Amino acid sequence: MSFTEICIYQVKPQKVEEFEGLMLEAKSFLESQEGLLLFRFVKREYHIDMDQIKEGLPPKKITRIVKSVKYMLYWEFDTKENYGIAQKNLYESYWKAIERCLIMPHDKYLGERVF
């Protein structure tokens, strides 16, 4: 059973370029973690409402920043133990620089893959 983290980052609008640069720099480091099965990094750029869903319409592009720019990091490991080691490695390298770009500490959603 693989172990997954979905992490939500709320980035200060004035720190978007710095944050994306940090994450690009950290990408190869993150992808080299032992036991990593899948790694994805996504910027929230679209929204969809119920009318669009009912009509089968595509999502709309977000046109303005209200409070923050949101990003989602998804990574999946073969074991909880390898995930824990990867978190320690991230904490000792990029964590503080990443946190300085955020409006609040990031949210972590953890669990074992169901299917």
C-alpha atoms as a PDB file:
ATOM      1  CA  MET A   1       0.000   0.000   0.000  1.00  0.00           C
ATOM      2  CA  SER A   2       1.586   3.288  -1.069  1.00  0.00           C
ATOM      3  CA  PHE A   3       1.609   6.411   1.104  1.00  0.00           C
ATOM      4  CA  THR A   4       0.560   9.793  -0.270  1.00  0.00           C
ATOM      5  CA  GLU A   5       0.811  13.463   0.646  1.00  0.00           C
ATOM      6  CA  ILE A   6      -1.150  16.265  -0.949  1.00  0.00           C
ATOM      7  CA  CYS A   7       0.251  19.607   0.141  1.00  0.00           C
ATOM      8  CA  ILE A   8      -1.509  22.942  -0.401  1.00  0.00           C
ATOM      9  CA  TYR A   9       0.623  26.077  -0.550  1.00  0.00           C
ATOM     10  CA  GLN A  10      -0.885  29.588  -0.372  1.00  0.00           C
ATOM     11  CA  VAL A  11       1.779  31.855  -1.814  1.00  0.00           C
ATOM     12  CA  LYS A  12       2.012  35.611  -1.300  1.00  0.00           C
ATOM     13  CA  PRO A  13       1.317  37.276  -4.670  1.00  0.00           C
ATOM     14  CA  GLN A  14       4.617  39.177  -4.556  1.00  0.00           C
ATOM     15  CA  LYS A  15       6.511  35.907  -3.877  1.00  0.00           C
ATOM     16  CA  VAL A  16       5.131  33.816  -6.785  1.00  0.00           C
ATOM     17  CA  GLU A  17       8.251  34.106  -8.941  1.00  0.00           C
ATOM     18  CA  GLU A  18      10.545  33.289  -6.001  1.00  0.00           C
ATOM     19  CA  PHE A  19       8.356  30.330  -4.966  1.00  0.00           C
ATOM     20  CA  GLU A  20       8.213  28.864  -8.466  1.00  0.00           C
ATOM     21  CA  GLY A  21      11.992  29.264  -8.767  1.00  0.00           C
ATOM     22  CA  LEU A  22      12.528  27.467  -5.462  1.00  0.00           C
ATOM     23  CA  MET A  23      10.216  24.625  -6.445  1.00  0.00           C
ATOM     24  CA  LEU A  24      11.908  24.270  -9.828  1.00  0.00           C
ATOM     25  CA  GLU A  25      15.267  24.137  -8.065  1.00  0.00           C
ATOM     26  CA  ALA A  26      13.922  21.599  -5.549  1.00  0.00           C
ATOM     27  CA  LYS A  27      12.272  19.412  -8.237  1.00  0.00           C
ATOM     28  CA  SER A  28      15.246  17.135  -8.958  1.00  0.00           C
ATOM     29  CA  PHE A  29      15.997  16.902  -5.224  1.00  0.00           C
ATOM     30  CA  LEU A  30      12.394  15.900  -4.462  1.00  0.00           C
ATOM     31  CA  GLU A  31      12.263  13.428  -7.351  1.00  0.00           C
ATOM     32  CA  SER A  32      15.454  11.731  -6.118  1.00  0.00           C
ATOM     33  CA  GLN A  33      13.964  10.699  -2.758  1.00  0.00           C
ATOM     34  CA  GLU A  34      14.133   6.980  -2.063  1.00  0.00           C
ATOM     35  CA  GLY A  35      10.852   5.158  -2.611  1.00  0.00           C
ATOM     36  CA  LEU A  36       9.182   7.973  -4.542  1.00  0.00           C
ATOM     37  CA  LEU A  37       6.615   6.564  -6.950  1.00  0.00           C
ATOM     38  CA  LEU A  38       4.953   9.713  -8.305  1.00  0.00           C
ATOM     39  CA  PHE A  39       5.551  13.461  -8.040  1.00  0.00           C
ATOM     40  CA  ARG A  40       3.299  16.231  -9.357  1.00  0.00           C
ATOM     41  CA  PHE A  41       3.241  19.997  -8.808  1.00  0.00           C
ATOM     42  CA  VAL A  42       0.228  22.046  -9.916  1.00  0.00           C
ATOM     43  CA  LYS A  43      -0.652  25.739  -9.909  1.00  0.00           C
ATOM     44  CA  ARG A  44      -4.335  26.527  -9.413  1.00  0.00           C
ATOM     45  CA  GLU A  45      -5.305  28.566 -12.463  1.00  0.00           C
ATOM     46  CA  TYR A  46      -8.941  27.613 -13.135  1.00  0.00           C
ATOM     47  CA  HIS A  47     -12.281  27.359 -11.370  1.00  0.00           C
ATOM     48  CA  ILE A  48     -15.567  25.694 -12.236  1.00  0.00           C
ATOM     49  CA  ASP A  49     -19.071  26.274 -10.918  1.00  0.00           C
ATOM     50  CA  MET A  50     -22.130  24.036 -10.853  1.00  0.00           C
ATOM     51  CA  ASP A  51     -23.684  25.633 -13.955  1.00  0.00           C
ATOM     52  CA  GLN A  52     -20.535  24.900 -15.951  1.00  0.00           C
ATOM     53  CA  ILE A  53     -20.554  21.315 -14.689  1.00  0.00           C
ATOM     54  CA  LYS A  54     -24.244  20.800 -15.555  1.00  0.00           C
ATOM     55  CA  GLU A  55     -23.656  22.184 -19.059  1.00  0.00           C
ATOM     56  CA  GLY A  56     -20.438  20.240 -19.614  1.00  0.00           C
ATOM     57  CA  LEU A  57     -18.471  23.445 -20.103  1.00  0.00           C
ATOM     58  CA  PRO A  58     -14.722  23.769 -19.532  1.00  0.00           C
ATOM     59  CA  PRO A  59     -13.421  25.513 -16.409  1.00  0.00           C
ATOM     60  CA  LYS A  60     -12.799  29.265 -16.483  1.00  0.00           C
ATOM     61  CA  LYS A  61      -9.365  30.816 -16.128  1.00  0.00           C
ATOM     62  CA  ILE A  62      -8.832  32.693 -12.850  1.00  0.00           C
ATOM     63  CA  THR A  63      -8.286  36.343 -13.776  1.00  0.00           C
ATOM     64  CA  ARG A  64      -7.393  37.991 -10.475  1.00  0.00           C
ATOM     65  CA  ILE A  65      -5.550  37.164  -7.273  1.00  0.00           C
ATOM     66  CA  VAL A  66      -7.606  37.800  -4.148  1.00  0.00           C
ATOM     67  CA  LYS A  67      -5.354  36.763  -1.258  1.00  0.00           C
ATOM     68  CA  SER A  68      -2.854  34.199  -2.493  1.00  0.00           C
ATOM     69  CA  VAL A  69      -1.809  32.003  -5.392  1.00  0.00           C
ATOM     70  CA  LYS A  70      -2.428  28.339  -4.612  1.00  0.00           C
ATOM     71  CA  TYR A  71      -0.252  25.392  -5.532  1.00  0.00           C
ATOM     72  CA  MET A  72      -0.693  21.667  -4.914  1.00  0.00           C
ATOM     73  CA  LEU A  73       2.146  19.226  -4.480  1.00  0.00           C
ATOM     74  CA  TYR A  74       1.323  15.531  -4.788  1.00  0.00           C
ATOM     75  CA  TRP A  75       3.852  12.871  -4.026  1.00  0.00           C
ATOM     76  CA  GLU A  76       3.443   9.171  -3.440  1.00  0.00           C
ATOM     77  CA  PHE A  77       5.889   6.802  -1.746  1.00  0.00           C
ATOM     78  CA  ASP A  78       6.228   3.064  -1.463  1.00  0.00           C
ATOM     79  CA  THR A  79       6.241   3.232   2.372  1.00  0.00           C
ATOM     80  CA  LYS A  80       5.463   5.637   5.232  1.00  0.00           C
ATOM     81  CA  GLU A  81       9.065   5.258   6.352  1.00  0.00           C
ATOM     82  CA  ASN A  82      10.484   6.528   3.049  1.00  0.00           C
ATOM     83  CA  TYR A  83       7.968   9.365   3.142  1.00  0.00           C
ATOM     84  CA  GLY A  84       9.198  10.306   6.630  1.00  0.00           C
ATOM     85  CA  ILE A  85      12.822  10.355   5.500  1.00  0.00           C
ATOM     86  CA  ALA A  86      11.908  12.510   2.488  1.00  0.00           C
ATOM     87  CA  GLN A  87      10.127  14.987   4.779  1.00  0.00           C
ATOM     88  CA  LYS A  88      13.233  15.238   6.959  1.00  0.00           C
ATOM     89  CA  ASN A  89      15.378  15.816   3.870  1.00  0.00           C
ATOM     90  CA  LEU A  90      13.007  18.527   2.637  1.00  0.00           C
ATOM     91  CA  TYR A  91      12.934  20.152   6.074  1.00  0.00           C
ATOM     92  CA  GLU A  92      16.732  20.286   6.186  1.00  0.00           C
ATOM     93  CA  SER A  93      17.044  21.826   2.714  1.00  0.00           C
ATOM     94  CA  TYR A  94      14.240  23.896   1.155  1.00  0.00           C
ATOM     95  CA  TRP A  95      11.548  24.069   3.859  1.00  0.00           C
ATOM     96  CA  LYS A  96      12.422  27.443   5.423  1.00  0.00           C
ATOM     97  CA  ALA A  97      12.835  29.211   2.078  1.00  0.00           C
ATOM     98  CA  ILE A  98       9.498  27.813   0.901  1.00  0.00           C
ATOM     99  CA  GLU A  99       7.718  28.849   4.113  1.00  0.00           C
ATOM    100  CA  ARG A 100       8.924  32.457   3.709  1.00  0.00           C
ATOM    101  CA  CYS A 101       6.893  32.668   0.486  1.00  0.00           C
ATOM    102  CA  LEU A 102       3.609  31.618   2.112  1.00  0.00           C
ATOM    103  CA  ILE A 103       0.841  33.602   3.766  1.00  0.00           C
ATOM    104  CA  MET A 104       0.398  30.766   6.287  1.00  0.00           C
ATOM    105  CA  PRO A 105       1.935  27.334   6.945  1.00  0.00           C
ATOM    106  CA  HIS A 106       1.062  24.842   4.233  1.00  0.00           C
ATOM    107  CA  ASP A 107      -1.652  22.200   4.678  1.00  0.00           C
ATOM    108  CA  LYS A 108      -0.738  18.526   4.467  1.00  0.00           C
ATOM    109  CA  TYR A 109      -3.233  15.779   3.668  1.00  0.00           C
ATOM    110  CA  LEU A 110      -1.757  12.334   4.279  1.00  0.00           C
ATOM    111  CA  GLY A 111      -3.027   8.830   3.694  1.00  0.00           C
ATOM    112  CA  GLU A 112      -2.586   5.445   2.135  1.00  0.00           C
ATOM    113  CA  ARG A 113      -3.780   5.053  -1.428  1.00  0.00           C
ATOM    114  CA  VAL A 114      -7.177   3.358  -1.524  1.00  0.00           C
ATOM    115  CA  PHE A 115      -7.048   2.272  -5.183  1.00  0.00           C
END
